[in-house]
Structures are given as structure tokens and as C-alpha cells.
PDB file of all heavy atoms in Angstrom:
ATOM      1  N   HIS A   1      -4.635  -6.357  10.654  1.00  0.00           N
ATOM      2  CA  HIS A   1      -4.900  -6.249   9.201  1.00  0.00           C
ATOM      3  C   HIS A   1      -5.746  -7.394   8.731  1.00  0.00           C
ATOM      4  O   HIS A   1      -5.796  -8.403   9.393  1.00  0.00           O
ATOM      5  CB  HIS A   1      -3.495  -6.189   8.530  1.00  0.00           C
ATOM      6  CG  HIS A   1      -2.845  -7.568   8.347  1.00  0.00           C
ATOM      7  ND1 HIS A   1      -2.297  -8.085   9.429  1.00  0.00           N
ATOM      8  CD2 HIS A   1      -2.713  -8.338   7.290  1.00  0.00           C
ATOM      9  CE1 HIS A   1      -1.727  -9.275   8.989  1.00  0.00           C
ATOM     10  NE2 HIS A   1      -2.015  -9.375   7.731  1.00  0.00           N
ATOM     11  N   ARG A   2      -6.226  -7.228   7.495  1.00  0.00           N
ATOM     12  CA  ARG A   2      -6.946  -8.177   6.902  1.00  0.00           C
ATOM     13  C   ARG A   2      -6.645  -8.061   5.337  1.00  0.00           C
ATOM     14  O   ARG A   2      -6.589  -6.984   4.833  1.00  0.00           O
ATOM     15  CB  ARG A   2      -8.398  -8.048   7.168  1.00  0.00           C
ATOM     16  CG  ARG A   2      -9.278  -9.074   6.505  1.00  0.00           C
ATOM     17  CD  ARG A   2     -10.608  -9.181   7.129  1.00  0.00           C
ATOM     18  NE  ARG A   2     -10.462  -9.462   8.487  1.00  0.00           N
ATOM     19  CZ  ARG A   2     -11.199 -10.194   9.227  1.00  0.00           C
ATOM     20  NH1 ARG A   2     -12.249 -10.750   8.653  1.00  0.00           N
ATOM     21  NH2 ARG A   2     -10.977 -10.447  10.555  1.00  0.00           N
ATOM     22  N   ILE A   3      -6.555  -9.198   4.654  1.00  0.00           N
ATOM     23  CA  ILE A   3      -6.306  -9.219   3.275  1.00  0.00           C
ATOM     24  C   ILE A   3      -7.579  -9.664   2.671  1.00  0.00           C
ATOM     25  O   ILE A   3      -8.230 -10.662   2.958  1.00  0.00           O
ATOM     26  CB  ILE A   3      -5.206 -10.185   2.800  1.00  0.00           C
ATOM     27  CG1 ILE A   3      -3.879  -9.719   3.559  1.00  0.00           C
ATOM     28  CG2 ILE A   3      -4.990 -10.243   1.378  1.00  0.00           C
ATOM     29  CD1 ILE A   3      -2.714 -10.611   3.366  1.00  0.00           C
ATOM     30  N   ILE A   4      -8.063  -8.826   1.687  1.00  0.00           N
ATOM     31  CA  ILE A   4      -9.470  -9.011   1.180  1.00  0.00           C
ATOM     32  C   ILE A   4      -9.187  -9.290  -0.406  1.00  0.00           C
ATOM     33  O   ILE A   4      -8.561  -8.562  -1.103  1.00  0.00           O
ATOM     34  CB  ILE A   4     -10.295  -7.709   1.194  1.00  0.00           C
ATOM     35  CG1 ILE A   4     -10.491  -7.421   2.721  1.00  0.00           C
ATOM     36  CG2 ILE A   4     -11.669  -7.961   0.580  1.00  0.00           C
ATOM     37  CD1 ILE A   4     -11.170  -6.128   3.062  1.00  0.00           C
ATOM     38  N   GLY A   5      -9.762 -10.389  -0.746  1.00  0.00           N
ATOM     39  CA  GLY A   5      -9.581 -10.805  -2.201  1.00  0.00           C
ATOM     40  C   GLY A   5      -8.248 -11.164  -2.561  1.00  0.00           C
ATOM     41  O   GLY A   5      -7.962 -11.115  -3.826  1.00  0.00           O
ATOM     42  N   GLY A   6      -7.296 -11.439  -1.737  1.00  0.00           N
ATOM     43  CA  GLY A   6      -5.949 -11.732  -2.050  1.00  0.00           C
ATOM     44  C   GLY A   6      -5.159 -10.630  -2.474  1.00  0.00           C
ATOM     45  O   GLY A   6      -3.909 -10.834  -2.810  1.00  0.00           O
ATOM     46  N   LYS A   7      -5.606  -9.388  -2.614  1.00  0.00           N
ATOM     47  CA  LYS A   7      -4.825  -8.381  -2.992  1.00  0.00           C
ATOM     48  C   LYS A   7      -5.018  -6.980  -2.344  1.00  0.00           C
ATOM     49  O   LYS A   7      -4.232  -6.112  -2.497  1.00  0.00           O
ATOM     50  CB  LYS A   7      -5.012  -8.142  -4.531  1.00  0.00           C
ATOM     51  CG  LYS A   7      -6.406  -7.730  -5.044  1.00  0.00           C
ATOM     52  CD  LYS A   7      -6.502  -7.686  -6.484  1.00  0.00           C
ATOM     53  CE  LYS A   7      -7.931  -7.317  -6.853  1.00  0.00           C
ATOM     54  NZ  LYS A   7      -8.066  -7.158  -8.347  1.00  0.00           N
ATOM     55  N   HIS A   8      -6.112  -6.780  -1.536  1.00  0.00           N
ATOM     56  CA  HIS A   8      -6.259  -5.578  -0.920  1.00  0.00           C
ATOM     57  C   HIS A   8      -5.980  -5.785   0.608  1.00  0.00           C
ATOM     58  O   HIS A   8      -6.459  -6.708   1.199  1.00  0.00           O
ATOM     59  CB  HIS A   8      -7.783  -5.145  -0.984  1.00  0.00           C
ATOM     60  CG  HIS A   8      -8.235  -4.872  -2.443  1.00  0.00           C
ATOM     61  ND1 HIS A   8      -7.808  -3.824  -3.097  1.00  0.00           N
ATOM     62  CD2 HIS A   8      -8.973  -5.641  -3.258  1.00  0.00           C
ATOM     63  CE1 HIS A   8      -8.336  -3.876  -4.401  1.00  0.00           C
ATOM     64  NE2 HIS A   8      -9.030  -4.970  -4.405  1.00  0.00           N
ATOM     65  N   VAL A   9      -5.196  -4.843   1.190  1.00  0.00           N
ATOM     66  CA  VAL A   9      -4.818  -4.900   2.616  1.00  0.00           C
ATOM     67  C   VAL A   9      -5.535  -3.856   3.339  1.00  0.00           C
ATOM     68  O   VAL A   9      -5.272  -2.630   2.937  1.00  0.00           O
ATOM     69  CB  VAL A   9      -3.300  -4.875   2.777  1.00  0.00           C
ATOM     70  CG1 VAL A   9      -2.954  -4.913   4.235  1.00  0.00           C
ATOM     71  CG2 VAL A   9      -2.668  -6.007   2.052  1.00  0.00           C
ATOM     72  N   VAL A  10      -6.215  -4.209   4.271  1.00  0.00           N
ATOM     73  CA  VAL A  10      -6.898  -3.214   5.300  1.00  0.00           C
ATOM     74  C   VAL A  10      -6.189  -3.293   6.491  1.00  0.00           C
ATOM     75  O   VAL A  10      -6.189  -4.366   7.138  1.00  0.00           O
ATOM     76  CB  VAL A  10      -8.380  -3.406   5.407  1.00  0.00           C
ATOM     77  CG1 VAL A  10      -8.995  -2.409   6.304  1.00  0.00           C
ATOM     78  CG2 VAL A  10      -9.062  -3.414   3.966  1.00  0.00           C
ATOM     79  N   ALA A  11      -5.523  -2.181   6.970  1.00  0.00           N
ATOM     80  CA  ALA A  11      -4.816  -2.156   8.193  1.00  0.00           C
ATOM     81  C   ALA A  11      -5.378  -1.163   9.113  1.00  0.00           C
ATOM     82  O   ALA A  11      -5.749  -0.083   8.771  1.00  0.00           O
ATOM     83  CB  ALA A  11      -3.348  -1.997   7.961  1.00  0.00           C
ATOM     84  N   VAL A  12      -5.419  -1.489  10.457  1.00  0.00           N
ATOM     85  CA  VAL A  12      -5.782  -0.433  11.458  1.00  0.00           C
ATOM     86  C   VAL A  12      -4.649  -0.421  12.468  1.00  0.00           C
ATOM     87  O   VAL A  12      -4.175  -1.498  13.029  1.00  0.00           O
ATOM     88  CB  VAL A  12      -7.106  -0.942  12.165  1.00  0.00           C
ATOM     89  CG1 VAL A  12      -7.574  -0.013  13.249  1.00  0.00           C
ATOM     90  CG2 VAL A  12      -8.251  -1.018  11.117  1.00  0.00           C
ATOM     91  N   VAL A  13      -4.220   0.663  12.935  1.00  0.00           N
ATOM     92  CA  VAL A  13      -3.208   0.935  13.961  1.00  0.00           C
ATOM     93  C   VAL A  13      -3.754   2.021  14.869  1.00  0.00           C
ATOM     94  O   VAL A  13      -4.293   3.064  14.533  1.00  0.00           O
ATOM     95  CB  VAL A  13      -1.894   1.387  13.199  1.00  0.00           C
ATOM     96  CG1 VAL A  13      -0.849   1.685  14.386  1.00  0.00           C
ATOM     97  CG2 VAL A  13      -1.378   0.607  12.161  1.00  0.00           C
ATOM     98  N   SER A  14      -3.579   1.705  16.092  1.00  0.00           N
ATOM     99  CA  SER A  14      -3.973   2.627  17.227  1.00  0.00           C
ATOM    100  C   SER A  14      -2.933   2.557  18.301  1.00  0.00           C
ATOM    101  O   SER A  14      -2.248   1.576  18.522  1.00  0.00           O
ATOM    102  CB  SER A  14      -5.403   2.306  17.713  1.00  0.00           C
ATOM    103  OG  SER A  14      -5.334   1.165  18.444  1.00  0.00           O
ATOM    104  N   GLY A  15      -2.827   3.626  18.989  1.00  0.00           N
ATOM    105  CA  GLY A  15      -1.978   3.681  20.161  1.00  0.00           C
ATOM    106  C   GLY A  15      -0.994   4.820  20.191  1.00  0.00           C
ATOM    107  O   GLY A  15       0.106   4.736  20.411  1.00  0.00           O
ATOM    108  N   GLY A  16      -1.577   6.107  19.948  1.00  0.00           N
ATOM    109  CA  GLY A  16      -0.797   7.254  20.164  1.00  0.00           C
ATOM    110  C   GLY A  16       0.257   7.565  18.936  1.00  0.00           C
ATOM    111  O   GLY A  16       1.316   8.135  19.250  1.00  0.00           O
ATOM    112  N   ILE A  17      -0.131   7.060  17.830  1.00  0.00           N
ATOM    113  CA  ILE A  17       0.821   7.407  16.664  1.00  0.00           C
ATOM    114  C   ILE A  17      -0.003   8.013  15.597  1.00  0.00           C
ATOM    115  O   ILE A  17      -1.209   8.055  15.527  1.00  0.00           O
ATOM    116  CB  ILE A  17       1.427   6.099  16.114  1.00  0.00           C
ATOM    117  CG1 ILE A  17       0.357   5.185  15.572  1.00  0.00           C
ATOM    118  CG2 ILE A  17       2.274   5.492  17.134  1.00  0.00           C
ATOM    119  CD1 ILE A  17       0.965   4.091  14.755  1.00  0.00           C
ATOM    120  N   ARG A  18       0.621   8.730  14.733  1.00  0.00           N
ATOM    121  CA  ARG A  18      -0.003   9.423  13.613  1.00  0.00           C
ATOM    122  C   ARG A  18       0.598   9.015  12.251  1.00  0.00           C
ATOM    123  O   ARG A  18       1.888   8.978  12.160  1.00  0.00           O
ATOM    124  CB  ARG A  18       0.081  10.831  13.705  1.00  0.00           C
ATOM    125  CG  ARG A  18      -0.641  11.689  12.596  1.00  0.00           C
ATOM    126  CD  ARG A  18      -0.518  13.114  12.783  1.00  0.00           C
ATOM    127  NE  ARG A  18      -1.181  13.885  11.847  1.00  0.00           N
ATOM    128  CZ  ARG A  18      -0.648  14.204  10.645  1.00  0.00           C
ATOM    129  NH1 ARG A  18       0.526  13.842  10.287  1.00  0.00           N
ATOM    130  NH2 ARG A  18      -1.427  14.834   9.663  1.00  0.00           N
ATOM    131  N   VAL A  19      -0.209   8.385  11.341  1.00  0.00           N
ATOM    132  CA  VAL A  19       0.479   8.019  10.101  1.00  0.00           C
ATOM    133  C   VAL A  19      -0.265   8.759   9.045  1.00  0.00           C
ATOM    134  O   VAL A  19      -1.604   8.728   8.949  1.00  0.00           O
ATOM    135  CB  VAL A  19       0.155   6.542   9.937  1.00  0.00           C
ATOM    136  CG1 VAL A  19       0.608   6.014   8.572  1.00  0.00           C
ATOM    137  CG2 VAL A  19       0.832   5.708  11.008  1.00  0.00           C
ATOM    138  N   ASP A  20       0.457   9.401   8.132  1.00  0.00           N
ATOM    139  CA  ASP A  20      -0.114  10.207   7.059  1.00  0.00           C
ATOM    140  C   ASP A  20       0.408   9.507   5.833  1.00  0.00           C
ATOM    141  O   ASP A  20       1.525   9.579   5.382  1.00  0.00           O
ATOM    142  CB  ASP A  20       0.483  11.630   7.036  1.00  0.00           C
ATOM    143  CG  ASP A  20      -0.180  12.470   5.941  1.00  0.00           C
ATOM    144  OD1 ASP A  20      -1.048  11.963   5.264  1.00  0.00           O
ATOM    145  OD2 ASP A  20       0.211  13.607   5.805  1.00  0.00           O
ATOM    146  N   THR A  21      -0.546   8.753   5.195  1.00  0.00           N
ATOM    147  CA  THR A  21      -0.262   7.896   3.977  1.00  0.00           C
ATOM    148  C   THR A  21      -0.595   8.536   2.715  1.00  0.00           C
ATOM    149  O   THR A  21      -0.388   7.938   1.630  1.00  0.00           O
ATOM    150  CB  THR A  21      -1.062   6.555   4.089  1.00  0.00           C
ATOM    151  OG1 THR A  21      -2.431   6.898   4.129  1.00  0.00           O
ATOM    152  CG2 THR A  21      -0.633   5.769   5.356  1.00  0.00           C
ATOM    153  N   HIS A  22      -1.000   9.844   2.796  1.00  0.00           N
ATOM    154  CA  HIS A  22      -1.343  10.550   1.595  1.00  0.00           C
ATOM    155  C   HIS A  22      -0.180  10.506   0.490  1.00  0.00           C
ATOM    156  O   HIS A  22      -0.418  10.157  -0.623  1.00  0.00           O
ATOM    157  CB  HIS A  22      -1.670  12.005   1.858  1.00  0.00           C
ATOM    158  CG  HIS A  22      -2.235  12.738   0.717  1.00  0.00           C
ATOM    159  ND1 HIS A  22      -1.325  13.377  -0.181  1.00  0.00           N
ATOM    160  CD2 HIS A  22      -3.496  12.828   0.272  1.00  0.00           C
ATOM    161  CE1 HIS A  22      -2.159  13.930  -1.117  1.00  0.00           C
ATOM    162  NE2 HIS A  22      -3.402  13.609  -0.870  1.00  0.00           N
ATOM    163  N   ASP A  23       1.042  10.677   0.903  1.00  0.00           N
ATOM    164  CA  ASP A  23       2.092  10.703  -0.093  1.00  0.00           C
ATOM    165  C   ASP A  23       2.393   9.344  -0.593  1.00  0.00           C
ATOM    166  O   ASP A  23       2.931   9.031  -1.710  1.00  0.00           O
ATOM    167  CB  ASP A  23       3.365  11.321   0.478  1.00  0.00           C
ATOM    168  CG  ASP A  23       3.174  12.825   0.697  1.00  0.00           C
ATOM    169  OD1 ASP A  23       2.305  13.425   0.027  1.00  0.00           O
ATOM    170  OD2 ASP A  23       3.891  13.321   1.506  1.00  0.00           O
ATOM    171  N   LEU A  24       2.124   8.276   0.233  1.00  0.00           N
ATOM    172  CA  LEU A  24       2.467   6.910  -0.069  1.00  0.00           C
ATOM    173  C   LEU A  24       1.372   6.278  -1.087  1.00  0.00           C
ATOM    174  O   LEU A  24       1.731   5.385  -1.808  1.00  0.00           O
ATOM    175  CB  LEU A  24       2.611   5.986   1.153  1.00  0.00           C
ATOM    176  CG  LEU A  24       3.634   6.423   2.139  1.00  0.00           C
ATOM    177  CD1 LEU A  24       3.477   5.621   3.320  1.00  0.00           C
ATOM    178  CD2 LEU A  24       5.028   6.201   1.543  1.00  0.00           C
ATOM    179  N   ALA A  25       0.185   6.756  -1.038  1.00  0.00           N
ATOM    180  CA  ALA A  25      -0.809   6.177  -1.765  1.00  0.00           C
ATOM    181  C   ALA A  25      -1.351   7.109  -2.964  1.00  0.00           C
ATOM    182  O   ALA A  25      -2.293   6.749  -3.564  1.00  0.00           O
ATOM    183  CB  ALA A  25      -2.040   5.911  -0.915  1.00  0.00           C
ATOM    184  N   GLY A  26      -0.662   8.196  -3.226  1.00  0.00           N
ATOM    185  CA  GLY A  26      -1.044   9.109  -4.270  1.00  0.00           C
ATOM    186  C   GLY A  26      -0.911   8.415  -5.650  1.00  0.00           C
ATOM    187  O   GLY A  26      -0.084   7.497  -5.857  1.00  0.00           O
ATOM    188  N   ARG A  27      -1.471   9.063  -6.658  1.00  0.00           N
ATOM    189  CA  ARG A  27      -1.333   8.510  -8.075  1.00  0.00           C
ATOM    190  C   ARG A  27       0.189   8.307  -8.427  1.00  0.00           C
ATOM    191  O   ARG A  27       0.541   7.340  -9.134  1.00  0.00           O
ATOM    192  CB  ARG A  27      -1.945   9.436  -9.032  1.00  0.00           C
ATOM    193  CG  ARG A  27      -3.344   9.058  -9.302  1.00  0.00           C
ATOM    194  CD  ARG A  27      -3.930   9.894 -10.448  1.00  0.00           C
ATOM    195  NE  ARG A  27      -5.290   9.849 -10.414  1.00  0.00           N
ATOM    196  CZ  ARG A  27      -6.131   8.831 -10.860  1.00  0.00           C
ATOM    197  NH1 ARG A  27      -5.546   7.859 -11.344  1.00  0.00           N
ATOM    198  NH2 ARG A  27      -7.413   8.983 -10.709  1.00  0.00           N
ATOM    199  N   ASN A  28       1.011   9.291  -8.087  1.00  0.00           N
ATOM    200  CA  ASN A  28       2.439   9.193  -8.507  1.00  0.00           C
ATOM    201  C   ASN A  28       3.242   8.297  -7.745  1.00  0.00           C
ATOM    202  O   ASN A  28       4.352   7.873  -8.088  1.00  0.00           O
ATOM    203  CB  ASN A  28       3.117  10.634  -8.436  1.00  0.00           C
ATOM    204  CG  ASN A  28       2.399  11.605  -9.377  1.00  0.00           C
ATOM    205  OD1 ASN A  28       1.975  11.202 -10.448  1.00  0.00           O
ATOM    206  ND2 ASN A  28       2.484  12.872  -8.983  1.00  0.00           N
ATOM    207  N   ALA A  29       2.786   7.857  -6.490  1.00  0.00           N
ATOM    208  CA  ALA A  29       3.477   6.903  -5.660  1.00  0.00           C
ATOM    209  C   ALA A  29       3.266   5.435  -6.055  1.00  0.00           C
ATOM    210  O   ALA A  29       4.201   4.596  -5.850  1.00  0.00           O
ATOM    211  CB  ALA A  29       3.200   7.132  -4.263  1.00  0.00           C
ATOM    212  N   VAL A  30       2.221   5.143  -6.754  1.00  0.00           N
ATOM    213  CA  VAL A  30       1.917   3.731  -7.065  1.00  0.00           C
ATOM    214  C   VAL A  30       2.014   3.580  -8.528  1.00  0.00           C
ATOM    215  O   VAL A  30       1.349   4.253  -9.319  1.00  0.00           O
ATOM    216  CB  VAL A  30       0.514   3.307  -6.590  1.00  0.00           C
ATOM    217  CG1 VAL A  30       0.145   1.982  -7.034  1.00  0.00           C
ATOM    218  CG2 VAL A  30       0.328   3.467  -5.105  1.00  0.00           C
ATOM    219  N   ARG A  31       2.890   2.750  -9.028  1.00  0.00           N
ATOM    220  CA  ARG A  31       3.150   2.620 -10.453  1.00  0.00           C
ATOM    221  C   ARG A  31       3.049   1.055 -10.811  1.00  0.00           C
ATOM    222  O   ARG A  31       3.373   0.214  -9.926  1.00  0.00           O
ATOM    223  CB  ARG A  31       4.509   3.163 -10.775  1.00  0.00           C
ATOM    224  CG  ARG A  31       4.674   4.615 -10.534  1.00  0.00           C
ATOM    225  CD  ARG A  31       5.990   5.133 -11.080  1.00  0.00           C
ATOM    226  NE  ARG A  31       7.107   4.438 -10.566  1.00  0.00           N
ATOM    227  CZ  ARG A  31       7.887   4.818  -9.574  1.00  0.00           C
ATOM    228  NH1 ARG A  31       7.596   5.904  -8.930  1.00  0.00           N
ATOM    229  NH2 ARG A  31       8.945   4.062  -9.203  1.00  0.00           N
ATOM    230  N   THR A  32       2.795   0.770 -12.095  1.00  0.00           N
ATOM    231  CA  THR A  32       2.662  -0.569 -12.538  1.00  0.00           C
ATOM    232  C   THR A  32       4.142  -0.931 -13.027  1.00  0.00           C
ATOM    233  O   THR A  32       4.775  -0.125 -13.675  1.00  0.00           O
ATOM    234  CB  THR A  32       1.699  -0.668 -13.715  1.00  0.00           C
ATOM    235  OG1 THR A  32       0.470  -0.298 -13.254  1.00  0.00           O
ATOM    236  CG2 THR A  32       1.701  -2.078 -14.314  1.00  0.00           C
ATOM    237  N   ASP A  33       4.652  -2.107 -12.626  1.00  0.00           N
ATOM    238  CA  ASP A  33       5.912  -2.521 -13.097  1.00  0.00           C
ATOM    239  C   ASP A  33       5.777  -3.195 -14.581  1.00  0.00           C
ATOM    240  O   ASP A  33       5.396  -4.274 -14.748  1.00  0.00           O
ATOM    241  CB  ASP A  33       6.413  -3.684 -12.135  1.00  0.00           C
ATOM    242  CG  ASP A  33       7.761  -4.255 -12.460  1.00  0.00           C
ATOM    243  OD1 ASP A  33       8.527  -3.510 -13.359  1.00  0.00           O
ATOM    244  OD2 ASP A  33       8.056  -5.348 -12.148  1.00  0.00           O
ATOM    245  N   THR A  34       6.163  -2.310 -15.434  1.00  0.00           N
ATOM    246  CA  THR A  34       6.057  -2.705 -16.839  1.00  0.00           C
ATOM    247  C   THR A  34       7.398  -3.336 -17.293  1.00  0.00           C
ATOM    248  O   THR A  34       7.457  -3.894 -18.452  1.00  0.00           O
ATOM    249  CB  THR A  34       5.772  -1.446 -17.687  1.00  0.00           C
ATOM    250  OG1 THR A  34       6.779  -0.511 -17.496  1.00  0.00           O
ATOM    251  CG2 THR A  34       4.390  -0.939 -17.434  1.00  0.00           C
ATOM    252  N   ASP A  35       8.431  -3.292 -16.544  1.00  0.00           N
ATOM    253  CA  ASP A  35       9.744  -3.793 -16.922  1.00  0.00           C
ATOM    254  C   ASP A  35       9.958  -5.218 -16.374  1.00  0.00           C
ATOM    255  O   ASP A  35      10.978  -5.860 -16.670  1.00  0.00           O
ATOM    256  CB  ASP A  35      10.925  -3.014 -16.332  1.00  0.00           C
ATOM    257  CG  ASP A  35      10.768  -1.554 -16.918  1.00  0.00           C
ATOM    258  OD1 ASP A  35      10.438  -1.419 -18.080  1.00  0.00           O
ATOM    259  OD2 ASP A  35      11.093  -0.661 -16.187  1.00  0.00           O
ATOM    260  N   GLY A  36       9.063  -5.703 -15.644  1.00  0.00           N
ATOM    261  CA  GLY A  36       9.204  -7.106 -15.069  1.00  0.00           C
ATOM    262  C   GLY A  36      10.123  -7.304 -13.887  1.00  0.00           C
ATOM    263  O   GLY A  36      10.533  -8.373 -13.518  1.00  0.00           O
ATOM    264  N   VAL A  37      10.588  -6.169 -13.196  1.00  0.00           N
ATOM    265  CA  VAL A  37      11.447  -6.202 -12.164  1.00  0.00           C
ATOM    266  C   VAL A  37      10.994  -6.941 -10.983  1.00  0.00           C
ATOM    267  O   VAL A  37      11.533  -7.789 -10.353  1.00  0.00           O
ATOM    268  CB  VAL A  37      11.900  -4.692 -11.705  1.00  0.00           C
ATOM    269  CG1 VAL A  37      12.724  -4.755 -10.523  1.00  0.00           C
ATOM    270  CG2 VAL A  37      12.645  -4.094 -12.796  1.00  0.00           C
ATOM    271  N   MET A  38       9.621  -6.662 -10.693  1.00  0.00           N
ATOM    272  CA  MET A  38       8.995  -7.262  -9.502  1.00  0.00           C
ATOM    273  C   MET A  38       8.793  -8.818  -9.711  1.00  0.00           C
ATOM    274  O   MET A  38       8.980  -9.649  -8.789  1.00  0.00           O
ATOM    275  CB  MET A  38       7.609  -6.700  -9.173  1.00  0.00           C
ATOM    276  CG  MET A  38       7.760  -5.236  -8.770  1.00  0.00           C
ATOM    277  SD  MET A  38       8.779  -4.986  -7.252  1.00  0.00           S
ATOM    278  CE  MET A  38       7.820  -5.822  -6.055  1.00  0.00           C
ATOM    279  N   ALA A  39       8.426  -9.245 -10.909  1.00  0.00           N
ATOM    280  CA  ALA A  39       8.416 -10.601 -11.172  1.00  0.00           C
ATOM    281  C   ALA A  39       9.656 -11.335 -10.960  1.00  0.00           C
ATOM    282  O   ALA A  39       9.748 -12.450 -10.477  1.00  0.00           O
ATOM    283  CB  ALA A  39       7.814 -10.887 -12.615  1.00  0.00           C
ATOM    284  N   GLY A  40      10.774 -10.714 -11.477  1.00  0.00           N
ATOM    285  CA  GLY A  40      12.134 -11.241 -11.222  1.00  0.00           C
ATOM    286  C   GLY A  40      12.535 -11.346  -9.753  1.00  0.00           C
ATOM    287  O   GLY A  40      13.049 -12.386  -9.269  1.00  0.00           O
TER     288      GLY A  40
END
């Protein structure tokens, strides 16, 4: 993997596996923490 600009992660995996990230990266899966939970 490589971190670009301190916030973008580019990862490459190989070796007989299949990863379907569509559900993990969809609009509904990524949300902004407006309650401050992550900062805490």
C-alpha cells in the first residue's frame, strides 16, 4: 500500500483472492462524522 497526500490509501492485493469493495466504498457506506465520535 501507499498513502498519498496523508489521506488517500492505495492498496494492491494479489494471490488468489477476490475482494469486492463496491459495498464498502459506496455513497451510503462512507459518512462524515458530524457528532465528533471519531475525534473523541
